[in-house]
Amino acid sequence: MTEHQPREKFATQMHSAMLAELRALAKSEGRQLQSLIEEAVSKLLETRQTSEPDFEALMKRNHDRYASVFEKLAK
């Protein structure tokens, strides 16, 4: 994401201790809280979008796990 994209305000909640750690980290790095949150969300989205499950591996695992059930259903 670029810095020139429009921003939208929103509200959320988190555990007090986690927020305190996040504020301390922002202060120690000389950054704004929103900058750290945007970085974290960006990394989460990138990870989730690129971590597609291996369909063939899932099918094999389920076939191996439920082979007896599949055999009964096929009859």
PDB file of N, CA and C in Angstrom:
ATOM      1  N   MET A   1       0.842  -1.176   0.000  1.00  0.00           N
ATOM      2  CA  MET A   1       0.000   0.000   0.000  1.00  0.00           C
ATOM      3  C   MET A   1       0.886   1.238   0.000  1.00  0.00           C
ATOM      4  N   THR A   2       0.424   2.227  -0.688  1.00  0.00           N
ATOM      5  CA  THR A   2       1.200   3.447  -0.742  1.00  0.00           C
ATOM      6  C   THR A   2       0.701   4.442   0.293  1.00  0.00           C
ATOM      7  N   GLU A   3       1.550   5.372   0.615  1.00  0.00           N
ATOM      8  CA  GLU A   3       1.200   6.386   1.603  1.00  0.00           C
ATOM      9  C   GLU A   3       0.139   7.352   1.091  1.00  0.00           C
ATOM     10  N   HIS A   4      -0.086   7.413  -0.219  1.00  0.00           N
ATOM     11  CA  HIS A   4      -0.982   8.398  -0.804  1.00  0.00           C
ATOM     12  C   HIS A   4      -2.413   7.892  -0.955  1.00  0.00           C
ATOM     13  N   GLN A   5      -2.686   6.702  -0.503  1.00  0.00           N
ATOM     14  CA  GLN A   5      -4.049   6.194  -0.589  1.00  0.00           C
ATOM     15  C   GLN A   5      -4.884   6.837   0.513  1.00  0.00           C
ATOM     16  N   PRO A   6      -6.181   7.035   0.236  1.00  0.00           N
ATOM     17  CA  PRO A   6      -7.035   7.641   1.262  1.00  0.00           C
ATOM     18  C   PRO A   6      -7.095   6.752   2.509  1.00  0.00           C
ATOM     19  N   ARG A   7      -7.205   7.379   3.639  1.00  0.00           N
ATOM     20  CA  ARG A   7      -7.283   6.655   4.907  1.00  0.00           C
ATOM     21  C   ARG A   7      -8.704   6.740   5.449  1.00  0.00           C
ATOM     22  N   GLU A   8      -9.075   5.732   6.201  1.00  0.00           N
ATOM     23  CA  GLU A   8     -10.401   5.687   6.807  1.00  0.00           C
ATOM     24  C   GLU A   8     -10.244   5.406   8.287  1.00  0.00           C
ATOM     25  N   LYS A   9     -10.939   6.164   9.092  1.00  0.00           N
ATOM     26  CA  LYS A   9     -10.890   5.953  10.537  1.00  0.00           C
ATOM     27  C   LYS A   9     -11.788   4.785  10.911  1.00  0.00           C
ATOM     28  N   PHE A  10     -11.353   4.040  11.924  1.00  0.00           N
ATOM     29  CA  PHE A  10     -12.176   2.974  12.481  1.00  0.00           C
ATOM     30  C   PHE A  10     -11.770   2.793  13.937  1.00  0.00           C
ATOM     31  N   ALA A  11     -12.584   2.114  14.674  1.00  0.00           N
ATOM     32  CA  ALA A  11     -12.299   1.868  16.095  1.00  0.00           C
ATOM     33  C   ALA A  11     -12.248   0.374  16.330  1.00  0.00           C
ATOM     34  N   THR A  12     -11.405  -0.023  17.264  1.00  0.00           N
ATOM     35  CA  THR A  12     -11.304  -1.423  17.642  1.00  0.00           C
ATOM     36  C   THR A  12     -10.885  -1.506  19.098  1.00  0.00           C
ATOM     37  N   GLN A  13     -10.767  -2.697  19.592  1.00  0.00           N
ATOM     38  CA  GLN A  13     -10.336  -2.920  20.969  1.00  0.00           C
ATOM     39  C   GLN A  13      -9.275  -4.003  20.982  1.00  0.00           C
ATOM     40  N   MET A  14      -8.394  -3.960  22.005  1.00  0.00           N
ATOM     41  CA  MET A  14      -7.429  -5.031  22.215  1.00  0.00           C
ATOM     42  C   MET A  14      -7.087  -5.076  23.692  1.00  0.00           C
ATOM     43  N   HIS A  15      -6.436  -6.141  24.090  1.00  0.00           N
ATOM     44  CA  HIS A  15      -6.044  -6.286  25.493  1.00  0.00           C
ATOM     45  C   HIS A  15      -5.146  -5.126  25.905  1.00  0.00           C
ATOM     46  N   SER A  16      -5.358  -4.628  27.100  1.00  0.00           N
ATOM     47  CA  SER A  16      -4.608  -3.474  27.596  1.00  0.00           C
ATOM     48  C   SER A  16      -3.106  -3.696  27.567  1.00  0.00           C
ATOM     49  N   ALA A  17      -2.679  -4.890  27.978  1.00  0.00           N
ATOM     50  CA  ALA A  17      -1.246  -5.185  28.010  1.00  0.00           C
ATOM     51  C   ALA A  17      -0.650  -5.171  26.599  1.00  0.00           C
ATOM     52  N   MET A  18      -1.386  -5.702  25.633  1.00  0.00           N
ATOM     53  CA  MET A  18      -0.899  -5.721  24.256  1.00  0.00           C
ATOM     54  C   MET A  18      -0.794  -4.299  23.709  1.00  0.00           C
ATOM     55  N   LEU A  19      -1.794  -3.468  24.015  1.00  0.00           N
ATOM     56  CA  LEU A  19      -1.773  -2.082  23.564  1.00  0.00           C
ATOM     57  C   LEU A  19      -0.612  -1.329  24.202  1.00  0.00           C
ATOM     58  N   ALA A  20      -0.346  -1.585  25.467  1.00  0.00           N
ATOM     59  CA  ALA A  20       0.781  -0.939  26.141  1.00  0.00           C
ATOM     60  C   ALA A  20       2.102  -1.330  25.488  1.00  0.00           C
ATOM     61  N   GLU A  21       2.246  -2.607  25.156  1.00  0.00           N
ATOM     62  CA  GLU A  21       3.468  -3.059  24.467  1.00  0.00           C
ATOM     63  C   GLU A  21       3.593  -2.406  23.098  1.00  0.00           C
ATOM     64  N   LEU A  22       2.480  -2.304  22.389  1.00  0.00           N
ATOM     65  CA  LEU A  22       2.487  -1.699  21.061  1.00  0.00           C
ATOM     66  C   LEU A  22       2.868  -0.224  21.147  1.00  0.00           C
ATOM     67  N   ARG A  23       2.320   0.476  22.128  1.00  0.00           N
ATOM     68  CA  ARG A  23       2.663   1.900  22.319  1.00  0.00           C
ATOM     69  C   ARG A  23       4.142   2.051  22.662  1.00  0.00           C
ATOM     70  N   ALA A  24       4.656   1.178  23.519  1.00  0.00           N
ATOM     71  CA  ALA A  24       6.068   1.242  23.893  1.00  0.00           C
ATOM     72  C   ALA A  24       6.965   0.978  22.684  1.00  0.00           C
ATOM     73  N   LEU A  25       6.568   0.019  21.850  1.00  0.00           N
ATOM     74  CA  LEU A  25       7.336  -0.283  20.644  1.00  0.00           C
ATOM     75  C   LEU A  25       7.328   0.907  19.687  1.00  0.00           C
ATOM     76  N   ALA A  26       6.165   1.505  19.501  1.00  0.00           N
ATOM     77  CA  ALA A  26       6.063   2.679  18.623  1.00  0.00           C
ATOM     78  C   ALA A  26       6.963   3.796  19.136  1.00  0.00           C
ATOM     79  N   LYS A  27       6.943   4.024  20.429  1.00  0.00           N
ATOM     80  CA  LYS A  27       7.775   5.078  21.018  1.00  0.00           C
ATOM     81  C   LYS A  27       9.257   4.770  20.839  1.00  0.00           C
ATOM     82  N   SER A  28       9.640   3.514  21.085  1.00  0.00           N
ATOM     83  CA  SER A  28      11.055   3.146  20.985  1.00  0.00           C
ATOM     84  C   SER A  28      11.573   3.227  19.553  1.00  0.00           C
ATOM     85  N   GLU A  29      10.677   3.031  18.571  1.00  0.00           N
ATOM     86  CA  GLU A  29      11.063   3.095  17.161  1.00  0.00           C
ATOM     87  C   GLU A  29      10.811   4.473  16.548  1.00  0.00           C
ATOM     88  N   GLY A  30      10.247   5.377  17.340  1.00  0.00           N
ATOM     89  CA  GLY A  30       9.951   6.716  16.836  1.00  0.00           C
ATOM     90  C   GLY A  30       8.879   6.698  15.751  1.00  0.00           C
ATOM     91  N   ARG A  31       7.923   5.804  15.893  1.00  0.00           N
ATOM     92  CA  ARG A  31       6.864   5.658  14.889  1.00  0.00           C
ATOM     93  C   ARG A  31       5.512   5.916  15.525  1.00  0.00           C
ATOM     94  N   GLN A  32       4.530   6.161  14.673  1.00  0.00           N
ATOM     95  CA  GLN A  32       3.167   6.313  15.145  1.00  0.00           C
ATOM     96  C   GLN A  32       2.541   4.935  15.323  1.00  0.00           C
ATOM     97  N   LEU A  33       1.596   4.870  16.235  1.00  0.00           N
ATOM     98  CA  LEU A  33       0.875   3.627  16.493  1.00  0.00           C
ATOM     99  C   LEU A  33       0.223   3.107  15.215  1.00  0.00           C
ATOM    100  N   GLN A  34      -0.396   3.985  14.439  1.00  0.00           N
ATOM    101  CA  GLN A  34      -1.076   3.549  13.207  1.00  0.00           C
ATOM    102  C   GLN A  34      -0.099   2.934  12.226  1.00  0.00           C
ATOM    103  N   SER A  35       1.141   3.371  12.222  1.00  0.00           N
ATOM    104  CA  SER A  35       2.149   2.818  11.326  1.00  0.00           C
ATOM    105  C   SER A  35       2.434   1.360  11.665  1.00  0.00           C
ATOM    106  N   LEU A  36       2.548   1.057  12.955  1.00  0.00           N
ATOM    107  CA  LEU A  36       2.781  -0.333  13.370  1.00  0.00           C
ATOM    108  C   LEU A  36       1.574  -1.210  13.073  1.00  0.00           C
ATOM    109  N   ILE A  37       0.390  -0.670  13.302  1.00  0.00           N
ATOM    110  CA  ILE A  37      -0.828  -1.445  13.035  1.00  0.00           C
ATOM    111  C   ILE A  37      -0.963  -1.721  11.546  1.00  0.00           C
ATOM    112  N   GLU A  38      -0.698  -0.717  10.700  1.00  0.00           N
ATOM    113  CA  GLU A  38      -0.759  -0.931   9.258  1.00  0.00           C
ATOM    114  C   GLU A  38       0.267  -1.972   8.812  1.00  0.00           C
ATOM    115  N   GLU A  39       1.453  -1.932   9.383  1.00  0.00           N
ATOM    116  CA  GLU A  39       2.484  -2.922   9.042  1.00  0.00           C
ATOM    117  C   GLU A  39       2.025  -4.329   9.407  1.00  0.00           C
ATOM    118  N   ALA A  40       1.472  -4.477  10.598  1.00  0.00           N
ATOM    119  CA  ALA A  40       1.020  -5.792  11.061  1.00  0.00           C
ATOM    120  C   ALA A  40      -0.125  -6.323  10.193  1.00  0.00           C
ATOM    121  N   VAL A  41      -1.091  -5.469   9.885  1.00  0.00           N
ATOM    122  CA  VAL A  41      -2.231  -5.893   9.072  1.00  0.00           C
ATOM    123  C   VAL A  41      -1.772  -6.229   7.655  1.00  0.00           C
ATOM    124  N   SER A  42      -0.871  -5.433   7.126  1.00  0.00           N
ATOM    125  CA  SER A  42      -0.350  -5.684   5.779  1.00  0.00           C
ATOM    126  C   SER A  42       0.332  -7.048   5.713  1.00  0.00           C
ATOM    127  N   LYS A  43       1.157  -7.368   6.725  1.00  0.00           N
ATOM    128  CA  LYS A  43       1.830  -8.667   6.751  1.00  0.00           C
ATOM    129  C   LYS A  43       0.828  -9.809   6.912  1.00  0.00           C
ATOM    130  N   LEU A  44      -0.187  -9.620   7.731  1.00  0.00           N
ATOM    131  CA  LEU A  44      -1.216 -10.642   7.910  1.00  0.00           C
ATOM    132  C   LEU A  44      -1.942 -10.910   6.602  1.00  0.00           C
ATOM    133  N   LEU A  45      -2.360  -9.853   5.917  1.00  0.00           N
ATOM    134  CA  LEU A  45      -3.064 -10.025   4.650  1.00  0.00           C
ATOM    135  C   LEU A  45      -2.186 -10.696   3.610  1.00  0.00           C
ATOM    136  N   GLU A  46      -0.932 -10.296   3.549  1.00  0.00           N
ATOM    137  CA  GLU A  46      -0.003 -10.902   2.585  1.00  0.00           C
ATOM    138  C   GLU A  46       0.173 -12.389   2.860  1.00  0.00           C
ATOM    139  N   THR A  47       0.323 -12.736   4.121  1.00  0.00           N
ATOM    140  CA  THR A  47       0.496 -14.139   4.504  1.00  0.00           C
ATOM    141  C   THR A  47      -0.739 -14.961   4.167  1.00  0.00           C
ATOM    142  N   ARG A  48      -1.897 -14.446   4.495  1.00  0.00           N
ATOM    143  CA  ARG A  48      -3.141 -15.176   4.254  1.00  0.00           C
ATOM    144  C   ARG A  48      -3.430 -15.320   2.769  1.00  0.00           C
ATOM    145  N   GLN A  49      -3.080 -14.312   1.983  1.00  0.00           N
ATOM    146  CA  GLN A  49      -3.372 -14.356   0.555  1.00  0.00           C
ATOM    147  C   GLN A  49      -2.417 -15.269  -0.196  1.00  0.00           C
ATOM    148  N   THR A  50      -1.208 -15.447   0.303  1.00  0.00           N
ATOM    149  CA  THR A  50      -0.228 -16.265  -0.401  1.00  0.00           C
ATOM    150  C   THR A  50      -0.125 -17.673   0.164  1.00  0.00           C
ATOM    151  N   SER A  51      -0.776 -17.933   1.271  1.00  0.00           N
ATOM    152  CA  SER A  51      -0.689 -19.250   1.902  1.00  0.00           C
ATOM    153  C   SER A  51      -1.900 -20.100   1.554  1.00  0.00           C
ATOM    154  N   GLU A  52      -2.050 -20.379   0.281  1.00  0.00           N
ATOM    155  CA  GLU A  52      -3.158 -21.225  -0.145  1.00  0.00           C
ATOM    156  C   GLU A  52      -2.844 -22.668   0.219  1.00  0.00           C
ATOM    157  N   PRO A  53      -3.824 -23.395   0.746  1.00  0.00           N
ATOM    158  CA  PRO A  53      -3.565 -24.787   1.109  1.00  0.00           C
ATOM    159  C   PRO A  53      -3.280 -25.635  -0.132  1.00  0.00           C
ATOM    160  N   ASP A  54      -2.440 -26.608   0.037  1.00  0.00           N
ATOM    161  CA  ASP A  54      -2.113 -27.535  -1.042  1.00  0.00           C
ATOM    162  C   ASP A  54      -3.286 -28.496  -1.191  1.00  0.00           C
ATOM    163  N   PHE A  55      -4.099 -28.272  -2.225  1.00  0.00           N
ATOM    164  CA  PHE A  55      -5.329 -29.030  -2.417  1.00  0.00           C
ATOM    165  C   PHE A  55      -5.065 -30.526  -2.531  1.00  0.00           C
ATOM    166  N   GLU A  56      -4.045 -30.899  -3.299  1.00  0.00           N
ATOM    167  CA  GLU A  56      -3.754 -32.324  -3.472  1.00  0.00           C
ATOM    168  C   GLU A  56      -3.350 -32.970  -2.149  1.00  0.00           C
ATOM    169  N   ALA A  57      -2.558 -32.279  -1.359  1.00  0.00           N
ATOM    170  CA  ALA A  57      -2.144 -32.823  -0.068  1.00  0.00           C
ATOM    171  C   ALA A  57      -3.341 -32.976   0.863  1.00  0.00           C
ATOM    172  N   LEU A  58      -4.248 -31.993   0.833  1.00  0.00           N
ATOM    173  CA  LEU A  58      -5.456 -32.090   1.655  1.00  0.00           C
ATOM    174  C   LEU A  58      -6.316 -33.274   1.233  1.00  0.00           C
ATOM    175  N   MET A  59      -6.477 -33.461  -0.073  1.00  0.00           N
ATOM    176  CA  MET A  59      -7.279 -34.581  -0.571  1.00  0.00           C
ATOM    177  C   MET A  59      -6.664 -35.920  -0.172  1.00  0.00           C
ATOM    178  N   LYS A  60      -5.349 -36.047  -0.322  1.00  0.00           N
ATOM    179  CA  LYS A  60      -4.685 -37.298   0.047  1.00  0.00           C
ATOM    180  C   LYS A  60      -4.829 -37.573   1.537  1.00  0.00           C
ATOM    181  N   ARG A  61      -4.622 -36.531   2.345  1.00  0.00           N
ATOM    182  CA  ARG A  61      -4.736 -36.708   3.797  1.00  0.00           C
ATOM    183  C   ARG A  61      -6.148 -37.145   4.177  1.00  0.00           C
ATOM    184  N   ASN A  62      -7.163 -36.522   3.573  1.00  0.00           N
ATOM    185  CA  ASN A  62      -8.541 -36.905   3.868  1.00  0.00           C
ATOM    186  C   ASN A  62      -8.854 -38.293   3.331  1.00  0.00           C
ATOM    187  N   HIS A  63      -8.322 -38.638   2.159  1.00  0.00           N
ATOM    188  CA  HIS A  63      -8.543 -39.978   1.614  1.00  0.00           C
ATOM    189  C   HIS A  63      -7.940 -41.023   2.542  1.00  0.00           C
ATOM    190  N   ASP A  64      -6.709 -40.781   2.964  1.00  0.00           N
ATOM    191  CA  ASP A  64      -6.047 -41.724   3.870  1.00  0.00           C
ATOM    192  C   ASP A  64      -6.789 -41.821   5.205  1.00  0.00           C
ATOM    193  N   ARG A  65      -7.239 -40.694   5.683  1.00  0.00           N
ATOM    194  CA  ARG A  65      -7.898 -40.649   6.992  1.00  0.00           C
ATOM    195  C   ARG A  65      -9.272 -41.322   6.968  1.00  0.00           C
ATOM    196  N   TYR A  66     -10.007 -41.130   5.864  1.00  0.00           N
ATOM    197  CA  TYR A  66     -11.384 -41.617   5.799  1.00  0.00           C
ATOM    198  C   TYR A  66     -11.587 -42.704   4.749  1.00  0.00           C
ATOM    199  N   ALA A  67     -10.546 -43.431   4.419  1.00  0.00           N
ATOM    200  CA  ALA A  67     -10.632 -44.454   3.371  1.00  0.00           C
ATOM    201  C   ALA A  67     -11.758 -45.447   3.638  1.00  0.00           C
ATOM    202  N   SER A  68     -11.869 -45.901   4.871  1.00  0.00           N
ATOM    203  CA  SER A  68     -12.904 -46.905   5.162  1.00  0.00           C
ATOM    204  C   SER A  68     -14.311 -46.327   4.991  1.00  0.00           C
ATOM    205  N   VAL A  69     -14.492 -45.081   5.341  1.00  0.00           N
ATOM    206  CA  VAL A  69     -15.794 -44.426   5.167  1.00  0.00           C
ATOM    207  C   VAL A  69     -16.115 -44.277   3.692  1.00  0.00           C
ATOM    208  N   PHE A  70     -15.126 -43.852   2.911  1.00  0.00           N
ATOM    209  CA  PHE A  70     -15.327 -43.702   1.464  1.00  0.00           C
ATOM    210  C   PHE A  70     -15.687 -45.029   0.814  1.00  0.00           C
ATOM    211  N   GLU A  71     -15.041 -46.104   1.248  1.00  0.00           N
ATOM    212  CA  GLU A  71     -15.339 -47.417   0.698  1.00  0.00           C
ATOM    213  C   GLU A  71     -16.768 -47.833   0.982  1.00  0.00           C
ATOM    214  N   LYS A  72     -17.230 -47.582   2.201  1.00  0.00           N
ATOM    215  CA  LYS A  72     -18.606 -47.910   2.559  1.00  0.00           C
ATOM    216  C   LYS A  72     -19.594 -47.080   1.760  1.00  0.00           C
ATOM    217  N   LEU A  73     -19.292 -45.817   1.555  1.00  0.00           N
ATOM    218  CA  LEU A  73     -20.184 -44.929   0.806  1.00  0.00           C
ATOM    219  C   LEU A  73     -20.246 -45.336  -0.675  1.00  0.00           C
ATOM    220  N   ALA A  74     -19.166 -45.875  -1.175  1.00  0.00           N
ATOM    221  CA  ALA A  74     -19.119 -46.248  -2.596  1.00  0.00           C
ATOM    222  C   ALA A  74     -19.954 -47.489  -2.886  1.00  0.00           C
ATOM    223  N   LYS A  75     -20.293 -48.264  -1.884  1.00  0.00           N
ATOM    224  CA  LYS A  75     -21.069 -49.496  -2.089  1.00  0.00           C
ATOM    225  C   LYS A  75     -22.536 -49.235  -2.223  1.00  0.00           C
TER     226      LYS A  75
END
